[in-house]
Protein backbone atom coordinates (compact mmCIF):
# COMPACT_ATOMS: atom_id res chain seq x y z
CA MET A 1 -27.76 -107.75 -36.37
CA SER A 2 -29.45 -104.91 -38.31
CA ASP A 3 -27.52 -102.56 -40.59
CA THR A 4 -28.08 -99.75 -38.08
CA SER A 5 -26.73 -101.86 -35.21
CA THR A 6 -23.73 -102.91 -37.30
CA LEU A 7 -22.96 -99.29 -38.23
CA THR A 8 -23.38 -98.10 -34.63
CA ALA A 9 -20.95 -100.80 -33.46
CA ALA A 10 -18.47 -99.92 -36.24
CA LYS A 11 -18.55 -96.24 -35.26
CA LYS A 12 -18.06 -97.11 -31.57
CA ASN A 13 -15.10 -99.35 -32.42
CA ALA A 14 -13.54 -96.66 -34.64
CA ARG A 15 -13.92 -94.06 -31.88
CA ASN A 16 -12.31 -96.33 -29.30
CA ARG A 17 -9.44 -97.19 -31.63
CA ILE A 18 -8.73 -93.54 -32.46
CA ARG A 19 -9.00 -92.37 -28.84
CA THR A 20 -6.54 -95.08 -27.78
CA ALA A 21 -4.11 -94.11 -30.54
CA ARG A 22 -4.31 -90.44 -29.52
CA LEU A 23 -3.54 -91.29 -25.90
CA ALA A 24 -0.49 -93.30 -27.02
CA ARG A 25 1.09 -90.37 -28.91
CA THR A 26 4.20 -88.84 -27.35
CA THR A 27 4.35 -85.22 -26.27
CA ALA A 28 7.06 -84.62 -28.89
CA ASP A 29 4.96 -86.12 -31.70
CA LEU A 30 1.93 -84.09 -30.62
CA HIS A 31 3.98 -80.89 -30.64
CA VAL A 32 5.44 -81.49 -34.11
CA ASP A 33 2.04 -82.40 -35.58
CA ASN A 34 0.24 -79.48 -33.92
CA VAL A 35 2.81 -76.99 -35.26
CA ALA A 36 2.26 -78.38 -38.76
CA ILE A 37 -1.53 -78.36 -38.38
CA LEU A 38 -1.50 -74.74 -37.23
CA ALA A 39 0.73 -73.72 -40.16
CA HIS A 40 -1.60 -75.37 -42.70
CA LEU A 41 -4.72 -74.00 -41.01
CA THR A 42 -3.22 -70.49 -40.90
CA ALA A 43 -2.50 -70.69 -44.63
CA LEU A 44 -6.10 -71.78 -45.29
CA ILE A 45 -7.52 -68.98 -43.12
CA ARG A 46 -5.45 -66.43 -45.03
CA ALA A 47 -6.26 -67.95 -48.44
CA ILE A 48 -10.01 -67.63 -47.88
CA ASN A 49 -9.68 -64.27 -46.07
CA ALA A 50 -11.43 -65.57 -42.96
CA THR A 51 -11.54 -63.15 -40.04
CA ARG A 52 -14.43 -64.58 -37.97
CA ALA A 53 -14.48 -68.27 -37.12
CA ALA A 54 -15.86 -70.85 -34.73
CA ALA A 55 -13.67 -73.55 -33.23
CA TYR A 56 -13.62 -75.99 -30.37
CA MET A 57 -11.28 -76.21 -27.39
CA PRO A 58 -9.08 -79.28 -27.96
CA GLU A 59 -7.79 -81.36 -25.11
CA VAL A 60 -4.03 -81.98 -24.93
CA THR A 61 -4.19 -85.21 -26.97
CA GLU A 62 -6.48 -83.80 -29.68
CA PRO A 63 -5.28 -82.19 -32.92
CA GLY A 64 -4.53 -78.53 -32.34
CA GLY A 65 -3.50 -79.00 -28.72
CA ALA A 66 -4.36 -77.11 -25.58
CA ASP A 67 -3.11 -73.72 -26.87
CA PHE A 68 -5.12 -73.92 -30.11
CA ALA A 69 -7.57 -71.12 -29.31
CA ASP A 70 -4.81 -68.76 -28.21
CA ASN A 71 -2.95 -69.44 -31.45
CA LEU A 72 -6.09 -68.73 -33.49
CA THR A 73 -6.74 -65.40 -31.77
CA GLY A 74 -3.47 -64.20 -33.25
CA ILE A 75 -4.80 -64.94 -36.73
CA LEU A 76 -8.53 -64.11 -36.50
CA SER A 77 -10.36 -60.99 -35.36
CA GLU A 78 -13.13 -63.09 -33.72
CA LEU A 79 -13.12 -66.64 -32.41
CA TRP A 80 -16.34 -68.26 -31.16
CA ILE A 81 -16.35 -71.43 -29.07
CA PRO A 82 -19.22 -73.72 -28.07
CA LYS A 83 -20.97 -74.54 -24.83
CA SER A 84 -22.92 -77.79 -24.61
CA LEU A 85 -26.54 -77.30 -23.65
CA PRO A 86 -29.32 -79.77 -22.86
CA ASN A 87 -30.93 -81.58 -25.79
CA ARG A 88 -27.53 -81.77 -27.51
CA GLN A 89 -27.57 -78.14 -28.61
CA LEU A 90 -24.66 -75.70 -28.70
CA ALA A 91 -24.50 -72.05 -27.66
CA TRP A 92 -21.53 -69.89 -28.66
CA GLY A 93 -19.41 -67.35 -26.79
CA ARG A 94 -16.51 -65.23 -27.93
CA TYR A 95 -13.08 -66.45 -26.86
CA SER A 96 -10.83 -63.75 -25.40
CA GLY A 97 -8.30 -65.76 -23.44
CA ALA A 98 -8.16 -68.09 -20.47
CA ASP A 99 -10.45 -65.85 -18.40
CA SER A 100 -13.27 -66.34 -20.91
CA VAL A 101 -13.55 -70.13 -20.42
CA GLU A 102 -14.27 -72.63 -17.67
CA ARG A 103 -14.66 -76.40 -17.43
CA GLY A 104 -18.21 -77.30 -18.34
CA THR A 105 -20.15 -80.24 -19.67
CA PHE A 106 -17.92 -83.26 -20.28
CA GLU A 107 -15.10 -81.33 -18.52
CA ILE A 108 -14.42 -79.46 -21.78
CA LEU A 109 -13.41 -75.79 -21.70
CA GLU A 110 -16.48 -73.73 -22.59
CA PRO A 111 -17.25 -70.00 -22.78
CA THR A 112 -18.25 -68.41 -19.49
CA THR A 113 -20.69 -66.11 -21.28
CA PRO A 114 -22.30 -67.86 -24.25
CA SER A 115 -24.42 -65.27 -26.00
CA HIS A 116 -25.53 -66.77 -29.31
CA SER A 117 -27.32 -69.84 -30.58
CA SER A 118 -25.87 -71.84 -33.46
CA ASP A 119 -27.51 -69.30 -35.78
CA ILE A 120 -24.26 -67.33 -35.44
CA LEU A 121 -22.54 -69.98 -37.56
CA HIS A 122 -24.30 -68.57 -40.64
CA ASP A 123 -22.47 -65.25 -40.16
CA LEU A 124 -18.93 -66.58 -39.78
CA ASP A 125 -16.25 -67.16 -42.40
CA LEU A 126 -15.13 -70.61 -41.24
CA ILE A 127 -16.10 -73.34 -38.77
CA ILE A 128 -13.33 -75.56 -37.39
CA VAL A 129 -15.05 -78.76 -36.33
CA PRO A 130 -13.79 -81.53 -34.07
CA ALA A 131 -13.45 -85.00 -35.53
CA LEU A 132 -12.10 -88.35 -34.45
CA GLY A 133 -11.87 -89.54 -38.02
CA ILE A 134 -12.88 -88.52 -41.51
CA THR A 135 -13.19 -90.13 -44.91
CA PRO A 136 -11.13 -88.71 -47.79
CA GLY A 137 -14.46 -87.36 -49.07
CA GLY A 138 -14.97 -85.31 -45.89
CA ARG A 139 -17.54 -87.43 -44.00
CA ARG A 140 -16.80 -86.77 -40.34
CA LEU A 141 -16.84 -89.16 -37.37
CA GLY A 142 -17.47 -87.11 -34.23
CA GLN A 143 -17.51 -88.00 -30.56
CA GLY A 144 -20.93 -89.61 -30.85
CA ALA A 145 -23.38 -87.21 -29.21
CA GLY A 146 -24.41 -85.37 -32.41
CA TYR A 147 -23.91 -81.81 -31.14
CA TYR A 148 -22.06 -80.64 -34.24
CA ASP A 149 -24.26 -82.56 -36.68
CA ARG A 150 -27.23 -80.64 -35.26
CA ALA A 151 -25.42 -77.29 -35.16
CA LEU A 152 -24.17 -77.61 -38.75
CA ALA A 153 -27.49 -78.73 -40.26
CA GLY A 154 -28.51 -76.14 -42.86
CA VAL A 155 -25.36 -74.03 -42.38
CA ASP A 156 -23.49 -73.08 -45.56
CA THR A 157 -20.41 -71.62 -43.84
CA PRO A 158 -17.28 -73.51 -44.95
CA THR A 159 -16.06 -76.16 -42.52
CA VAL A 160 -12.65 -77.66 -41.84
CA ALA A 161 -11.75 -80.68 -39.73
CA ILE A 162 -8.29 -80.97 -38.22
CA LEU A 163 -6.94 -84.45 -37.62
CA PHE A 164 -3.78 -86.49 -37.40
CA ASP A 165 -2.73 -88.13 -40.68
CA THR A 166 -3.83 -91.69 -39.82
CA GLU A 167 -7.34 -90.47 -38.93
CA VAL A 168 -8.17 -89.75 -42.58
CA ASN A 169 -9.28 -93.13 -43.81
CA SER A 170 -11.78 -94.49 -46.31
CA ALA A 171 -12.81 -97.12 -43.74
CA ILE A 172 -14.23 -94.49 -41.34
CA PRO A 173 -17.90 -95.44 -40.85
CA PHE A 174 -20.53 -92.73 -41.32
CA GLU A 175 -24.26 -92.23 -41.55
CA PRO A 176 -26.28 -89.82 -43.73
CA HIS A 177 -26.69 -87.31 -40.88
CA ASP A 178 -22.93 -87.09 -40.22
CA ALA A 179 -21.61 -83.67 -41.27
CA THR A 180 -19.41 -83.34 -44.34
CA CYS A 181 -16.45 -80.95 -44.15
CA ASN A 182 -15.16 -78.77 -46.98
CA TRP A 183 -11.50 -79.11 -45.99
CA ILE A 184 -9.33 -81.54 -44.09
CA VAL A 185 -6.16 -80.29 -42.41
CA THR A 186 -3.56 -82.75 -41.15
CA PRO A 187 0.16 -82.42 -40.44
CA GLU A 188 0.75 -83.48 -44.07
CA GLY A 189 -1.28 -80.63 -45.53
CA THR A 190 -4.69 -79.30 -46.53
CA LYS A 191 -7.16 -81.04 -48.80
CA GLN A 192 -10.31 -79.45 -50.19
CA VAL A 193 -12.98 -82.12 -50.48
CA THR A 194 -16.13 -80.30 -51.59
């Protein structure tokens, strides 16, 4: 088996393991961890004076929880969320509540009126990126389609990944094109990595 095939298999196995662990978490554990994540993320947003940010719309079992965007709108003046386009590209629309999103590609909540390409990411103060796992050095394991790796290429805006504590692990497999995050936020706290 080639090194590329071995790495691809390792990433697939890590994704499956993390997805299974997320599905096994109790509602109570998710709530406690999401409250802690939001508190640490809020402190980071205030510490860097971020007012305009991009984020994703987590599912119930993902870090941040289903009310993540609503919580962020109480902290930020602008929140931009992605819509998946063909060719694994993202477009961005401003989040303004439940009426501004609908189920889209992959059944993920997406903006009903995306108005910007990923070029908008250059103008924001912070990008909150989804991750299934991350190394302590900030190398991110995403869902596998490469949308965020493409969107973040050449963008200098600071990035933060939010995860559950066990998902930060030096054994997380990564490739050179996998995005590196500046901060990692977990229920335990915030770590700056670059």
